[in-house]
Protein backbone atom coordinates (compact mmCIF):
# COMPACT_ATOMS: atom_id res chain seq x y z
CA GLY A 1 -0.01 -0.29 0.14
CA MET A 2 3.01 2.56 -0.14
CA LEU A 3 3.17 3.06 -3.91
CA GLU A 4 -0.62 3.43 -3.83
CA GLY A 5 -0.45 6.21 -0.41
CA GLU A 6 2.41 7.84 -2.36
CA TRP A 7 0.07 8.48 -5.40
CA PHE A 8 -2.87 9.71 -3.07
CA PHE A 9 -0.46 12.50 -1.50
CA GLU A 10 0.71 13.13 -5.03
CA ALA A 11 -2.58 14.02 -5.99
CA GLN A 12 -3.45 15.57 -3.42
CA ILE A 13 -0.47 18.16 -2.99
CA ARG A 14 -0.45 18.85 -6.97
CA ARG A 15 -4.21 18.48 -7.75
CA GLY A 16 -6.06 18.75 -4.54
CA ALA A 17 -7.93 16.82 -2.29
CA ARG A 18 -10.92 16.30 -4.58
CA HIS A 19 -8.85 14.77 -6.78
CA ALA A 20 -7.03 12.42 -4.40
CA ARG A 21 -8.96 8.99 -4.05
CA ARG A 22 -9.53 7.88 -0.46
CA GLY A 23 -10.09 4.47 -1.84
CA LEU A 24 -5.73 4.71 -2.38
CA VAL A 25 -5.75 4.90 1.27
CA ALA A 26 -7.60 1.86 2.04
CA SER A 27 -5.04 -0.13 0.69
CA GLN A 28 -2.27 0.40 3.05
CA GLN A 29 -3.88 -1.90 5.00
CA PHE A 30 -0.92 -4.89 5.86
CA ASN A 31 -3.97 -7.63 5.22
CA GLY A 32 -5.09 -6.28 1.76
CA PRO A 33 -3.27 -8.97 -0.25
CA GLY A 34 -3.44 -11.69 1.55
CA ASP A 35 -7.26 -11.21 1.95
CA ALA A 36 -7.16 -10.45 -2.13
CA VAL A 37 -5.71 -13.86 -2.53
CA ALA A 38 -8.78 -15.99 -0.16
CA ARG A 39 -11.28 -13.59 -2.37
CA ALA A 40 -9.75 -15.27 -5.29
CA VAL A 41 -9.25 -18.92 -4.80
CA GLY A 42 -12.26 -19.19 -1.90
CA VAL A 43 -10.13 -20.05 1.22
CA LEU A 44 -11.87 -21.52 3.88
CA GLY A 45 -9.06 -21.48 6.92
CA GLN A 46 -7.70 -18.56 8.43
CA VAL A 47 -5.85 -16.21 6.88
CA GLU A 48 -2.79 -14.28 8.01
CA THR A 49 -0.50 -11.37 7.10
CA ILE A 50 2.72 -11.41 8.42
CA SER A 51 4.79 -8.40 8.15
CA SER A 52 8.13 -8.75 9.63
CA ALA A 53 10.44 -7.43 7.21
CA CYS A 54 13.00 -9.56 4.92
CA ALA A 55 11.69 -12.07 7.32
CA SER A 56 8.10 -11.85 6.38
CA ALA A 57 7.65 -14.59 4.27
CA ALA A 58 10.35 -17.33 6.28
CA MET A 59 7.71 -16.76 8.41
CA ALA A 60 4.73 -17.21 7.08
CA ILE A 61 5.83 -20.55 5.81
CA GLY A 62 6.65 -21.93 9.22
CA SER A 63 3.00 -20.57 9.74
CA ALA A 64 1.56 -22.45 7.45
CA LEU A 65 3.72 -25.77 9.16
CA ARG A 66 2.14 -24.65 12.21
CA ALA A 67 -0.98 -25.04 11.07
CA LEU A 68 -0.66 -27.93 9.08
CA ARG A 69 0.66 -30.06 11.93
CA ARG A 70 -2.30 -28.81 14.04
CA GLY A 71 -4.73 -29.95 11.68
CA ASP A 72 -5.92 -26.60 11.23
CA VAL A 73 -5.85 -27.04 7.59
CA ASP A 74 -4.68 -29.60 5.23
CA VAL A 75 -3.30 -27.32 2.44
CA ALA A 76 -2.02 -23.86 2.65
CA LEU A 77 -0.59 -21.20 0.33
CA ALA A 78 2.48 -19.43 2.05
CA GLY A 79 5.06 -16.71 0.48
CA GLY A 80 5.44 -13.44 0.00
CA SER A 81 5.50 -10.49 -1.98
CA ASP A 82 7.21 -6.77 -2.12
CA ALA A 83 6.54 -3.77 -4.58
CA LEU A 84 9.26 -1.02 -4.91
CA CYS A 85 8.24 2.33 -4.25
CA GLN A 86 9.84 5.95 -3.58
CA LEU A 87 9.85 5.08 0.01
CA THR A 88 11.49 2.21 0.02
CA TYR A 89 13.80 2.91 -2.02
CA ALA A 90 14.69 6.12 -0.39
CA GLY A 91 14.58 4.41 3.44
CA PHE A 92 17.39 1.67 1.42
CA ASN A 93 19.26 5.12 0.17
CA ALA A 94 19.32 6.85 3.48
CA LEU A 95 20.89 3.61 5.74
CA ARG A 96 22.93 4.24 2.92
CA SER A 97 22.68 -0.01 2.04
CA VAL A 98 22.09 0.37 -1.67
CA ASP A 99 24.73 -0.11 -4.11
CA ASP A 100 25.35 1.32 -7.35
CA ALA A 101 26.54 -2.00 -8.76
CA PRO A 102 25.04 -5.73 -8.88
CA SER A 103 24.67 -6.59 -5.27
CA ARG A 104 27.92 -9.36 -4.10
CA PRO A 105 26.73 -10.86 -0.84
CA PHE A 106 29.61 -12.37 1.20
CA ARG A 107 32.54 -10.27 -0.43
CA LYS A 108 34.89 -8.20 0.78
CA ASP A 109 34.09 -5.30 -1.60
CA ARG A 110 30.46 -5.91 -1.00
CA LEU A 111 28.71 -2.40 -0.17
CA GLY A 112 24.90 -2.84 -0.18
CA LEU A 113 22.18 -4.67 -1.44
CA SER A 114 20.32 -4.55 -5.01
CA LEU A 115 16.37 -3.66 -4.80
CA GLY A 116 13.85 -5.25 -7.08
CA GLU A 117 10.64 -6.82 -6.58
CA GLY A 118 9.46 -10.53 -6.09
CA ALA A 119 6.87 -12.46 -5.14
CA GLY A 120 6.83 -16.22 -4.25
CA VAL A 121 4.33 -18.74 -2.77
CA LEU A 122 4.54 -22.77 -2.24
CA VAL A 123 1.49 -25.15 -2.50
CA LEU A 124 1.76 -26.89 1.24
CA GLU A 125 0.10 -29.75 2.65
CA THR A 126 -0.03 -32.42 4.74
CA ALA A 127 1.26 -35.88 3.64
CA ALA A 128 -1.81 -37.72 3.69
CA HIS A 129 -3.37 -34.92 1.35
CA ALA A 130 -0.83 -35.76 -0.91
CA GLN A 131 -1.45 -39.43 -0.85
CA ARG A 132 -4.96 -38.92 -0.99
CA ARG A 133 -4.90 -37.57 -4.34
CA ALA A 134 -1.45 -38.97 -5.50
CA ALA A 135 0.76 -36.53 -5.77
CA ARG A 136 4.79 -37.01 -5.74
CA PRO A 137 5.68 -33.93 -3.38
CA ILE A 138 9.00 -31.95 -4.66
CA ALA A 139 10.22 -31.05 -1.00
CA ILE A 140 9.52 -31.42 2.52
CA LEU A 141 9.44 -29.23 5.01
CA ALA A 142 10.46 -30.46 7.89
CA GLY A 143 11.17 -27.63 10.62
CA GLU A 144 11.14 -23.96 11.57
CA GLY A 145 12.64 -21.88 13.36
CA SER A 146 12.40 -17.87 14.44
CA THR A 147 14.11 -15.41 16.58
CA CYS A 148 13.65 -12.05 17.55
CA ASP A 149 17.31 -10.35 17.78
CA ALA A 150 16.22 -7.27 19.94
CA HIS A 151 20.23 -5.55 19.18
CA HIS A 152 19.76 -2.73 17.29
CA MET A 153 16.58 -1.10 14.77
CA THR A 154 18.70 -1.42 11.43
CA ALA A 155 21.77 -4.11 12.39
CA PRO A 156 22.07 -6.98 13.78
CA HIS A 157 23.83 -8.86 16.92
CA PRO A 158 27.24 -8.49 15.38
CA ASP A 159 27.80 -11.96 16.74
CA GLY A 160 24.73 -12.88 14.65
CA LEU A 161 23.03 -14.35 18.01
CA GLY A 162 19.48 -13.88 16.99
CA ALA A 163 20.08 -16.09 13.54
CA SER A 164 22.21 -18.91 14.95
CA GLN A 165 19.59 -19.55 17.33
CA ALA A 166 16.81 -19.37 14.73
CA ILE A 167 19.10 -21.97 12.61
CA ARG A 168 19.26 -24.46 15.52
CA LEU A 169 15.59 -24.09 16.61
CA ALA A 170 14.67 -25.29 13.04
CA LEU A 171 16.90 -27.97 12.82
CA ARG A 172 15.76 -29.35 16.44
CA ASP A 173 12.43 -28.86 15.35
CA ALA A 174 12.61 -30.89 11.88
CA GLY A 175 14.93 -33.52 13.54
CA VAL A 176 18.45 -33.48 12.13
CA ALA A 177 21.87 -32.04 12.88
CA ALA A 178 23.63 -29.21 11.66
CA GLY A 179 25.97 -32.16 10.05
CA ASP A 180 23.03 -33.25 7.94
CA VAL A 181 22.75 -29.80 6.26
CA ASP A 182 24.07 -30.05 2.79
CA PHE A 183 23.21 -26.41 1.10
CA ILE A 184 22.25 -23.07 2.93
CA ASN A 185 19.98 -20.53 0.82
CA ALA A 186 21.13 -17.15 3.38
CA HIS A 187 19.88 -13.76 3.74
CA GLY A 188 22.91 -11.98 1.94
CA THR A 189 21.85 -8.90 1.67
CA GLY A 190 25.34 -7.59 0.64
CA THR A 191 25.48 -5.16 3.39
CA PRO A 192 28.73 -4.88 5.37
CA LEU A 193 26.91 -5.36 8.92
CA ASN A 194 24.21 -8.08 7.86
CA ASP A 195 26.57 -10.46 6.11
CA ALA A 196 29.04 -10.64 8.81
CA ALA A 197 26.58 -10.97 11.50
CA GLU A 198 24.99 -13.86 9.42
CA ALA A 199 28.55 -15.29 8.52
CA ALA A 200 29.46 -15.65 12.11
CA ALA A 201 25.71 -17.39 12.72
CA LEU A 202 26.56 -19.43 10.24
CA LYS A 203 30.14 -20.49 11.82
CA ALA A 204 28.88 -21.12 14.85
CA VAL A 205 26.16 -23.37 13.89
CA PHE A 206 27.95 -25.27 11.17
CA GLY A 207 31.88 -24.43 12.27
CA ASP A 208 34.74 -25.72 9.58
CA ARG A 209 31.93 -27.35 7.65
CA LEU A 210 30.86 -24.21 6.53
CA ARG A 211 33.71 -24.15 4.03
CA SER A 212 32.28 -27.32 2.36
CA ILE A 213 28.71 -26.09 2.20
CA PRO A 214 27.19 -23.86 -0.82
CA VAL A 215 25.55 -21.16 -0.29
CA THR A 216 23.31 -18.93 -2.19
CA SER A 217 21.01 -16.04 -1.33
């Protein structure tokens, strides 16, 4: 809804209040996109919208996993989307987190991130539901974990304490050990503080074996 908010205020400033569509302001509600999807596909279970910055989509997937385990639903749609607007770009630019060159996470010469739009959604279902419809699952969501760093408004704890604890919780929930992991999809923002903290978190969990595990972001 931030982009629509920009349109509303631009119309109000340039053309006057009579020309500013109030419906644009209504789209500021966080639950708008999720509710629209629910109406479009006829969702009968709960509809949740999680707004937690970069972790939002991952936390939505974790929430769906818990709902499936509880038996609340047999099938869940979980994912996230993000759209660019002037406020988004100005905010990251004010933090000096945007790099003119392509982002290069974990590289020594990293300077920041490359902003873009994107969306992704997973269809999650219980094993029993998949068997009933003779589906062949392409992956198993085995566990999840989340923590709150609470260190600083825009910077993670330098030792990556929040991230390392979240990884350990996810491994424990999945019933696997760190030695069972052979691929890591990292946050990898390309910013100096985030990358250093995330690298410290991964090293704390996986130790020297981290050098041999493929990492992407």
